[in-house]
Amino acid sequence: MTLSLLWEEYRSAHPDGYGCSRFCDLYRRWAGRLTPVMRQYHVAGERVFVDYAGTTLPVIDGDTGEVRQAQLFVAAPGALSLTLCRGELEPESV
């Protein structure tokens, strides 16, 4: 979500509301007062955090040119500076 998209959503709900520059100024002032923190205490290597991208990505076979869809998963082991990505091709339809 970008600030511009957020303003567009706001403006569609409030047609006579703030213009983009004023909205962005007020938003940044409001966001500056937040202190978002998500501390999670655990032993290194004890947990892994996984996220699923939700949409599929096209994967093209370099030899045949066949296009198949893949699902993307991203994992970050807790307390380590690593990010792992894995694509899983969807099963071919019969």
N, C-alpha and C. Protein backbone atom coordinates (compact mmCIF):
# COMPACT_ATOMS: atom_id res chain seq x y z
N MET A 1 0.85 -1.16 0.00
CA MET A 1 0.00 0.00 0.00
C MET A 1 0.90 1.23 0.00
N THR A 2 0.70 2.09 -0.96
CA THR A 2 1.46 3.34 -0.99
C THR A 2 0.61 4.45 -0.40
N LEU A 3 1.25 5.53 -0.04
CA LEU A 3 0.52 6.67 0.51
C LEU A 3 -0.42 7.26 -0.54
N SER A 4 0.00 7.22 -1.79
CA SER A 4 -0.85 7.71 -2.88
C SER A 4 -2.12 6.87 -3.01
N LEU A 5 -1.98 5.54 -2.94
CA LEU A 5 -3.16 4.67 -3.00
C LEU A 5 -4.06 4.88 -1.79
N LEU A 6 -3.45 5.08 -0.63
CA LEU A 6 -4.22 5.34 0.58
C LEU A 6 -5.04 6.61 0.43
N TRP A 7 -4.44 7.64 -0.14
CA TRP A 7 -5.16 8.88 -0.36
C TRP A 7 -6.30 8.67 -1.37
N GLU A 8 -6.05 7.89 -2.42
CA GLU A 8 -7.10 7.63 -3.41
C GLU A 8 -8.29 6.92 -2.77
N GLU A 9 -8.02 5.98 -1.88
CA GLU A 9 -9.11 5.30 -1.16
C GLU A 9 -9.86 6.29 -0.28
N TYR A 10 -9.10 7.12 0.43
CA TYR A 10 -9.70 8.14 1.29
C TYR A 10 -10.58 9.07 0.46
N ARG A 11 -10.04 9.51 -0.68
CA ARG A 11 -10.76 10.49 -1.51
C ARG A 11 -12.03 9.89 -2.11
N SER A 12 -12.01 8.59 -2.45
CA SER A 12 -13.22 7.97 -2.98
C SER A 12 -14.31 7.89 -1.91
N ALA A 13 -13.91 7.75 -0.65
CA ALA A 13 -14.88 7.72 0.44
C ALA A 13 -15.27 9.13 0.89
N HIS A 14 -14.40 10.12 0.69
CA HIS A 14 -14.64 11.50 1.10
C HIS A 14 -14.31 12.43 -0.07
N PRO A 15 -15.19 12.54 -1.06
CA PRO A 15 -14.89 13.34 -2.27
C PRO A 15 -14.52 14.80 -1.99
N ASP A 16 -15.05 15.37 -0.91
CA ASP A 16 -14.75 16.76 -0.58
C ASP A 16 -13.66 16.86 0.49
N GLY A 17 -12.92 15.77 0.71
CA GLY A 17 -11.91 15.74 1.76
C GLY A 17 -10.63 16.43 1.36
N TYR A 18 -9.58 16.14 2.13
CA TYR A 18 -8.28 16.77 1.92
C TYR A 18 -7.71 16.45 0.55
N GLY A 19 -6.93 17.40 0.03
CA GLY A 19 -6.16 17.15 -1.19
C GLY A 19 -4.99 16.24 -0.85
N CYS A 20 -4.31 15.77 -1.87
CA CYS A 20 -3.24 14.78 -1.68
C CYS A 20 -2.11 15.31 -0.79
N SER A 21 -1.63 16.52 -1.03
CA SER A 21 -0.48 17.02 -0.25
C SER A 21 -0.84 17.22 1.21
N ARG A 22 -2.04 17.74 1.49
CA ARG A 22 -2.46 17.94 2.88
C ARG A 22 -2.68 16.60 3.57
N PHE A 23 -3.32 15.66 2.87
CA PHE A 23 -3.55 14.33 3.42
C PHE A 23 -2.21 13.67 3.78
N CYS A 24 -1.25 13.74 2.86
CA CYS A 24 0.07 13.12 3.10
C CYS A 24 0.78 13.78 4.28
N ASP A 25 0.67 15.11 4.38
CA ASP A 25 1.29 15.82 5.50
C ASP A 25 0.68 15.37 6.82
N LEU A 26 -0.65 15.31 6.89
CA LEU A 26 -1.32 14.87 8.12
C LEU A 26 -1.00 13.41 8.44
N TYR A 27 -0.95 12.58 7.42
CA TYR A 27 -0.63 11.17 7.64
C TYR A 27 0.78 11.02 8.20
N ARG A 28 1.74 11.70 7.60
CA ARG A 28 3.13 11.59 8.08
C ARG A 28 3.26 12.11 9.51
N ARG A 29 2.53 13.17 9.83
CA ARG A 29 2.57 13.71 11.19
C ARG A 29 2.00 12.68 12.17
N TRP A 30 0.87 12.04 11.77
CA TRP A 30 0.25 11.02 12.60
C TRP A 30 1.18 9.80 12.73
N ALA A 31 1.75 9.33 11.63
CA ALA A 31 2.62 8.15 11.64
C ALA A 31 3.89 8.40 12.45
N GLY A 32 4.35 9.65 12.51
CA GLY A 32 5.53 9.99 13.28
C GLY A 32 5.35 9.81 14.78
N ARG A 33 4.10 9.78 15.23
CA ARG A 33 3.83 9.59 16.66
C ARG A 33 3.75 8.12 17.04
N LEU A 34 3.73 7.23 16.06
CA LEU A 34 3.63 5.80 16.34
C LEU A 34 4.98 5.23 16.73
N THR A 35 4.96 4.21 17.54
CA THR A 35 6.19 3.50 17.90
C THR A 35 5.96 2.01 17.66
N PRO A 36 5.89 1.60 16.40
CA PRO A 36 5.61 0.18 16.12
C PRO A 36 6.81 -0.70 16.46
N VAL A 37 6.60 -1.64 17.34
CA VAL A 37 7.65 -2.56 17.75
C VAL A 37 7.03 -3.95 17.85
N MET A 38 7.73 -4.93 17.33
CA MET A 38 7.25 -6.31 17.44
C MET A 38 8.42 -7.16 17.92
N ARG A 39 8.72 -7.05 19.19
CA ARG A 39 9.82 -7.82 19.73
C ARG A 39 9.37 -9.26 19.95
N GLN A 40 10.18 -10.18 19.50
CA GLN A 40 9.90 -11.59 19.71
C GLN A 40 11.18 -12.22 20.24
N TYR A 41 11.12 -12.72 21.44
CA TYR A 41 12.29 -13.31 22.07
C TYR A 41 12.25 -14.83 21.89
N HIS A 42 13.32 -15.39 21.32
CA HIS A 42 13.43 -16.82 21.13
C HIS A 42 14.89 -17.17 20.86
N VAL A 43 15.20 -18.43 21.03
CA VAL A 43 16.55 -18.92 20.79
C VAL A 43 16.80 -18.94 19.28
N ALA A 44 18.01 -18.55 18.86
CA ALA A 44 18.36 -18.54 17.44
C ALA A 44 18.15 -19.93 16.85
N GLY A 45 17.49 -19.97 15.70
CA GLY A 45 17.22 -21.23 15.02
C GLY A 45 16.01 -21.98 15.54
N GLU A 46 15.37 -21.45 16.58
CA GLU A 46 14.22 -22.13 17.17
C GLU A 46 12.97 -21.97 16.32
N ARG A 47 12.84 -20.84 15.63
CA ARG A 47 11.64 -20.55 14.85
C ARG A 47 12.01 -20.07 13.46
N VAL A 48 11.07 -20.28 12.55
CA VAL A 48 11.23 -19.73 11.21
C VAL A 48 9.90 -19.07 10.86
N PHE A 49 9.98 -17.92 10.24
CA PHE A 49 8.79 -17.15 9.89
C PHE A 49 8.57 -17.26 8.39
N VAL A 50 7.41 -17.76 8.01
CA VAL A 50 7.12 -18.03 6.60
C VAL A 50 5.94 -17.17 6.15
N ASP A 51 6.03 -16.68 4.94
CA ASP A 51 4.93 -15.91 4.36
C ASP A 51 4.67 -16.44 2.96
N TYR A 52 3.42 -16.42 2.57
CA TYR A 52 2.98 -16.87 1.26
C TYR A 52 2.56 -15.65 0.47
N ALA A 53 3.09 -15.50 -0.75
CA ALA A 53 2.84 -14.30 -1.54
C ALA A 53 1.37 -14.16 -1.95
N GLY A 54 0.64 -15.27 -2.06
CA GLY A 54 -0.78 -15.19 -2.35
C GLY A 54 -1.12 -15.31 -3.83
N THR A 55 -0.38 -14.65 -4.68
CA THR A 55 -0.65 -14.76 -6.11
C THR A 55 0.43 -15.61 -6.76
N THR A 56 0.12 -16.14 -7.93
CA THR A 56 1.10 -16.95 -8.61
C THR A 56 1.95 -16.10 -9.54
N LEU A 57 3.12 -16.63 -9.89
CA LEU A 57 4.05 -15.95 -10.78
C LEU A 57 4.29 -16.82 -12.01
N PRO A 58 4.39 -16.23 -13.19
CA PRO A 58 4.67 -17.05 -14.37
C PRO A 58 6.14 -17.47 -14.39
N VAL A 59 6.38 -18.74 -14.71
CA VAL A 59 7.73 -19.28 -14.86
C VAL A 59 7.82 -19.85 -16.27
N ILE A 60 8.80 -19.38 -17.03
CA ILE A 60 8.93 -19.80 -18.42
C ILE A 60 10.08 -20.78 -18.56
N ASP A 61 9.79 -21.94 -19.14
CA ASP A 61 10.82 -22.94 -19.41
C ASP A 61 11.68 -22.42 -20.56
N GLY A 62 12.99 -22.26 -20.30
CA GLY A 62 13.89 -21.70 -21.30
C GLY A 62 14.04 -22.55 -22.55
N ASP A 63 13.82 -23.86 -22.43
CA ASP A 63 13.97 -24.75 -23.59
C ASP A 63 12.70 -24.82 -24.44
N THR A 64 11.56 -24.97 -23.77
CA THR A 64 10.31 -25.18 -24.52
C THR A 64 9.46 -23.93 -24.66
N GLY A 65 9.70 -22.92 -23.81
CA GLY A 65 8.88 -21.71 -23.84
C GLY A 65 7.56 -21.89 -23.11
N GLU A 66 7.37 -23.07 -22.51
CA GLU A 66 6.13 -23.34 -21.78
C GLU A 66 6.04 -22.42 -20.56
N VAL A 67 4.87 -21.86 -20.33
CA VAL A 67 4.64 -20.98 -19.18
C VAL A 67 3.81 -21.74 -18.15
N ARG A 68 4.34 -21.83 -16.94
CA ARG A 68 3.61 -22.45 -15.84
C ARG A 68 3.56 -21.46 -14.69
N GLN A 69 2.60 -21.64 -13.83
CA GLN A 69 2.44 -20.75 -12.68
C GLN A 69 3.14 -21.35 -11.46
N ALA A 70 3.77 -20.49 -10.66
CA ALA A 70 4.44 -20.93 -9.44
C ALA A 70 3.93 -20.11 -8.27
N GLN A 71 3.87 -20.74 -7.11
CA GLN A 71 3.51 -20.05 -5.88
C GLN A 71 4.81 -19.72 -5.15
N LEU A 72 4.87 -18.54 -4.55
CA LEU A 72 6.11 -18.08 -3.92
C LEU A 72 5.96 -18.07 -2.40
N PHE A 73 6.94 -18.68 -1.73
CA PHE A 73 7.01 -18.68 -0.28
C PHE A 73 8.32 -18.03 0.14
N VAL A 74 8.29 -17.22 1.18
CA VAL A 74 9.49 -16.57 1.70
C VAL A 74 9.61 -16.95 3.18
N ALA A 75 10.81 -17.34 3.59
CA ALA A 75 11.04 -17.73 4.98
C ALA A 75 12.24 -16.97 5.53
N ALA A 76 12.14 -16.59 6.79
CA ALA A 76 13.24 -15.92 7.48
C ALA A 76 13.44 -16.61 8.82
N PRO A 77 14.56 -17.32 8.98
CA PRO A 77 14.83 -17.95 10.28
C PRO A 77 14.99 -16.87 11.35
N GLY A 78 14.35 -17.08 12.50
CA GLY A 78 14.44 -16.11 13.58
C GLY A 78 15.87 -15.91 14.06
N ALA A 79 16.24 -14.68 14.35
CA ALA A 79 17.53 -14.29 14.90
C ALA A 79 18.70 -14.56 13.96
N LEU A 80 18.45 -14.77 12.69
CA LEU A 80 19.53 -14.93 11.71
C LEU A 80 19.33 -13.91 10.60
N SER A 81 20.40 -13.56 9.94
CA SER A 81 20.31 -12.58 8.85
C SER A 81 20.18 -13.28 7.51
N LEU A 82 19.23 -14.19 7.41
CA LEU A 82 19.01 -14.93 6.18
C LEU A 82 17.57 -14.78 5.72
N THR A 83 17.37 -14.79 4.42
CA THR A 83 16.03 -14.85 3.85
C THR A 83 16.05 -15.94 2.79
N LEU A 84 15.11 -16.84 2.86
CA LEU A 84 15.04 -17.94 1.92
C LEU A 84 13.78 -17.81 1.09
N CYS A 85 13.88 -18.03 -0.21
CA CYS A 85 12.72 -17.98 -1.09
C CYS A 85 12.61 -19.31 -1.81
N ARG A 86 11.39 -19.76 -2.01
CA ARG A 86 11.19 -21.00 -2.74
C ARG A 86 9.94 -20.88 -3.59
N GLY A 87 10.06 -21.23 -4.83
CA GLY A 87 8.91 -21.26 -5.73
C GLY A 87 8.45 -22.68 -5.92
N GLU A 88 7.17 -22.91 -5.86
CA GLU A 88 6.58 -24.23 -6.07
C GLU A 88 5.69 -24.16 -7.30
N LEU A 89 6.02 -24.94 -8.33
CA LEU A 89 5.18 -24.97 -9.51
C LEU A 89 3.87 -25.65 -9.19
N GLU A 90 2.79 -25.09 -9.72
CA GLU A 90 1.49 -25.73 -9.55
C GLU A 90 1.47 -26.99 -10.39
N PRO A 91 0.74 -28.02 -9.94
CA PRO A 91 0.66 -29.25 -10.73
C PRO A 91 0.07 -28.96 -12.11
N GLU A 92 0.57 -29.67 -13.11
CA GLU A 92 0.04 -29.49 -14.44
C GLU A 92 -1.38 -30.00 -14.51
N SER A 93 -2.25 -29.27 -15.21
CA SER A 93 -3.63 -29.72 -15.33
C SER A 93 -3.70 -30.87 -16.31
N VAL A 94 -4.61 -31.76 -16.05
CA VAL A 94 -4.74 -32.96 -16.87
C VAL A 94 -5.74 -32.73 -17.97
